[in-house]
Amino acid sequence: MTTPLPGDWYPGPAPLPRSEPVGAAPVSRSEASASAPVVRGGYPVLAFGDDALVAVAVPGAGARLSVRRDVAPLLVALAAAFHREVQPLDPLSCWGHCHASATRGWNGHAAGIAVDLNAAAHPPGACGTFRPEQVPAVRGLITRWKYRGRPVLTWGGGDHHGGAAESHFEIAVPYPVALAVAAGLAT
């Protein structure tokens, strides 16, 4: 079942604030209140240890990502495909949930909807960190998961404005759409 959305739900890329890697957050507190800040797409920013976060292993990769629990199937499927089809994941250079600098604003990492994969090999601001034959594979991952014909993920190597972040992948659709896609993967 797909969730109908009004109007133009595909807002396009947003500037990418930098964030610092952190370990997987423990899961113990309840999700942020309705007054919590939200990022593009309507996702509430999550505090470290929020019950809405889960630290999940990427199958076959040895890496773990702390991400929003209800969209975890989508982000884990992306990371696993990246590991198989683009380059093996470095477990010490992959992360999900973390908080952006307060001076740059909240980003998808703070909401648990973004992951950085092999960030040491693809540092912020660097362009051309993938071999030429890897770029089509990365772009193929972004177009693999769609809703009504449009990709639900974005890549910091070619889709973000405001600076390259080739390790960065983010859910780029409203929350109800991501839930529908993730539910389809979880079944």
Protein backbone atom coordinates (compact mmCIF):
# COMPACT_ATOMS: atom_id res chain seq x y z
CA MET A 1 0.00 0.00 0.00
CA THR A 2 1.30 3.46 -0.83
CA THR A 3 0.56 6.57 1.14
CA PRO A 4 -0.97 9.37 -0.95
CA LEU A 5 0.74 12.72 -0.52
CA PRO A 6 -0.53 16.15 -1.43
CA GLY A 7 1.16 18.44 -3.94
CA ASP A 8 4.84 18.51 -4.65
CA TRP A 9 6.34 16.11 -2.13
CA TYR A 10 9.73 15.88 -3.84
CA PRO A 11 11.52 19.00 -2.61
CA GLY A 12 14.94 18.26 -4.10
CA PRO A 13 18.31 18.43 -2.41
CA ALA A 14 19.12 20.66 0.54
CA PRO A 15 22.46 22.04 1.73
CA LEU A 16 24.50 19.44 3.58
CA PRO A 17 25.78 20.55 7.00
CA ARG A 18 28.90 18.78 8.24
CA SER A 19 28.61 16.36 11.13
CA GLU A 20 31.05 14.45 13.29
CA PRO A 21 31.02 10.64 13.57
CA VAL A 22 29.96 9.07 16.84
CA GLY A 23 29.43 5.51 17.98
CA ALA A 24 26.06 3.84 17.92
CA ALA A 25 23.71 5.49 20.37
CA PRO A 26 22.26 3.38 23.17
CA VAL A 27 18.51 2.92 22.87
CA SER A 28 16.68 3.82 26.06
CA ARG A 29 14.72 7.08 25.95
CA SER A 30 11.41 7.80 24.22
CA GLU A 31 11.18 9.63 20.88
CA ALA A 32 11.47 13.41 20.88
CA SER A 33 8.33 15.34 21.72
CA ALA A 34 6.13 16.94 19.10
CA SER A 35 7.93 20.24 19.78
CA ALA A 36 11.31 18.81 18.73
CA PRO A 37 13.02 20.39 15.72
CA VAL A 38 12.42 18.63 12.42
CA VAL A 39 14.55 18.23 9.30
CA ARG A 40 13.41 18.33 5.67
CA GLY A 41 10.69 15.76 5.06
CA GLY A 42 9.11 16.08 8.52
CA TYR A 43 11.49 13.83 10.50
CA PRO A 44 11.96 14.86 14.15
CA VAL A 45 15.51 15.34 15.39
CA LEU A 46 16.35 12.53 17.80
CA ALA A 47 18.38 12.74 21.00
CA PHE A 48 21.13 10.20 21.61
CA GLY A 49 19.59 7.13 23.23
CA ASP A 50 16.10 7.79 21.86
CA ASP A 51 13.92 4.67 21.55
CA ALA A 52 13.29 5.58 17.91
CA LEU A 53 16.95 4.74 17.16
CA VAL A 54 18.37 1.28 16.58
CA ALA A 55 21.96 0.15 16.12
CA VAL A 56 21.76 -2.39 13.31
CA ALA A 57 24.37 -4.59 11.65
CA VAL A 58 24.87 -4.36 7.90
CA PRO A 59 24.68 -7.99 6.69
CA GLY A 60 28.03 -9.36 5.58
CA ALA A 61 29.88 -6.09 6.18
CA GLY A 62 30.89 -6.09 9.85
CA ALA A 63 29.60 -2.52 10.15
CA ARG A 64 26.83 -1.24 12.43
CA LEU A 65 24.74 1.88 11.84
CA SER A 66 22.63 3.80 14.33
CA VAL A 67 19.53 4.90 12.40
CA ARG A 68 15.84 5.64 12.83
CA ARG A 69 14.18 2.31 13.64
CA ASP A 70 11.16 2.64 11.33
CA VAL A 71 13.23 3.35 8.20
CA ALA A 72 16.18 1.10 9.12
CA PRO A 73 15.31 -1.54 6.47
CA LEU A 74 15.84 1.04 3.71
CA LEU A 75 19.15 2.40 5.03
CA VAL A 76 20.50 -1.07 5.81
CA ALA A 77 19.53 -2.33 2.32
CA LEU A 78 21.41 0.64 0.85
CA ALA A 79 24.52 0.00 2.98
CA ALA A 80 24.51 -3.74 2.22
CA ALA A 81 24.20 -3.08 -1.52
CA PHE A 82 27.00 -0.49 -1.34
CA HIS A 83 29.18 -3.11 0.40
CA ARG A 84 28.46 -5.74 -2.27
CA GLU A 85 28.37 -3.58 -5.40
CA VAL A 86 30.54 -0.51 -4.86
CA GLN A 87 33.23 -1.17 -2.23
CA PRO A 88 33.55 -3.10 1.03
CA LEU A 89 32.47 -1.11 4.06
CA ASP A 90 35.09 -0.02 6.57
CA PRO A 91 33.31 -0.56 9.93
CA LEU A 92 35.31 2.28 11.53
CA SER A 93 34.34 4.74 8.81
CA CYS A 94 30.55 4.31 8.64
CA TRP A 95 27.88 5.93 10.81
CA GLY A 96 24.31 7.10 10.91
CA HIS A 97 22.78 9.12 13.74
CA CYS A 98 24.83 12.02 15.05
CA HIS A 99 24.20 15.71 15.64
CA ALA A 100 25.20 18.46 13.26
CA SER A 101 27.01 21.57 14.35
CA ALA A 102 24.61 23.98 16.03
CA THR A 103 25.92 26.77 13.79
CA ARG A 104 24.94 24.94 10.59
CA GLY A 105 21.54 23.62 11.68
CA TRP A 106 20.08 20.13 11.91
CA ASN A 107 20.59 17.59 9.14
CA GLY A 108 19.42 14.07 8.27
CA HIS A 109 21.98 12.51 10.59
CA ALA A 110 20.30 14.17 13.59
CA ALA A 111 16.99 12.61 12.53
CA GLY A 112 18.49 9.16 11.91
CA ILE A 113 17.70 9.22 8.17
CA ALA A 114 21.24 9.66 6.80
CA VAL A 115 24.33 7.47 6.72
CA ASP A 116 27.94 8.10 5.80
CA LEU A 117 29.61 5.07 4.22
CA ASN A 118 33.42 4.81 4.11
CA ALA A 119 33.78 8.44 5.16
CA ALA A 120 37.56 8.22 5.55
CA ALA A 121 37.87 7.28 1.87
CA HIS A 122 35.32 9.94 0.81
CA PRO A 123 35.88 12.96 3.12
CA PRO A 124 33.60 16.02 3.16
CA GLY A 125 34.46 18.54 0.47
CA ALA A 126 36.45 16.08 -1.64
CA CYS A 127 35.22 15.35 -5.17
CA GLY A 128 36.17 12.42 -7.35
CA THR A 129 36.89 10.03 -4.49
CA PHE A 130 35.21 7.12 -6.27
CA ARG A 131 36.86 5.42 -9.23
CA PRO A 132 35.09 6.24 -12.53
CA GLU A 133 33.57 2.74 -12.75
CA GLN A 134 32.13 3.06 -9.22
CA VAL A 135 30.10 6.22 -9.89
CA PRO A 136 27.45 4.48 -12.06
CA ALA A 137 27.13 1.80 -9.37
CA VAL A 138 26.53 4.46 -6.69
CA ARG A 139 23.99 6.25 -8.87
CA GLY A 140 22.31 2.90 -9.50
CA LEU A 141 21.85 2.43 -5.77
CA ILE A 142 20.10 5.79 -5.50
CA THR A 143 17.65 4.91 -8.25
CA ARG A 144 16.96 1.38 -7.00
CA TRP A 145 14.41 2.39 -4.35
CA LYS A 146 11.59 4.49 -5.75
CA TYR A 147 8.15 5.75 -4.86
CA ARG A 148 5.86 6.64 -7.75
CA GLY A 149 8.84 6.49 -10.08
CA ARG A 150 11.05 8.86 -8.07
CA PRO A 151 14.13 7.90 -6.03
CA VAL A 152 13.66 7.99 -2.27
CA LEU A 153 17.38 8.44 -1.54
CA THR A 154 19.89 11.13 -2.37
CA TRP A 155 23.69 11.00 -2.60
CA GLY A 156 26.04 13.73 -1.39
CA GLY A 157 28.37 13.18 -4.32
CA GLY A 158 26.09 14.51 -6.96
CA ASP A 159 22.75 15.39 -5.46
CA HIS A 160 23.53 17.85 -2.65
CA HIS A 161 24.14 21.55 -3.10
CA GLY A 162 26.53 23.39 -0.83
CA GLY A 163 29.52 21.05 -0.97
CA ALA A 164 30.41 17.52 -1.82
CA ALA A 165 30.05 14.72 0.72
CA GLU A 166 30.55 11.60 -1.37
CA SER A 167 30.17 9.28 1.63
CA HIS A 168 26.71 10.74 2.45
CA PHE A 169 23.39 9.07 1.62
CA GLU A 170 20.06 10.36 2.89
CA ILE A 171 16.34 9.67 2.67
CA ALA A 172 14.99 12.51 0.54
CA VAL A 173 11.22 12.02 0.71
CA PRO A 174 8.61 12.85 3.34
CA TYR A 175 8.31 10.58 6.33
CA PRO A 176 5.12 8.74 5.18
CA VAL A 177 6.78 7.82 1.86
CA ALA A 178 9.91 6.48 3.56
CA LEU A 179 7.74 4.45 5.95
CA ALA A 180 5.88 2.87 3.03
CA VAL A 181 9.11 1.97 1.22
CA ALA A 182 10.78 0.63 4.39
CA ALA A 183 7.68 -1.43 5.27
CA GLY A 184 7.85 -3.03 1.83
CA LEU A 185 11.48 -4.03 2.45
CA ALA A 186 10.78 -5.41 5.92
CA THR A 187 8.16 -7.89 4.71
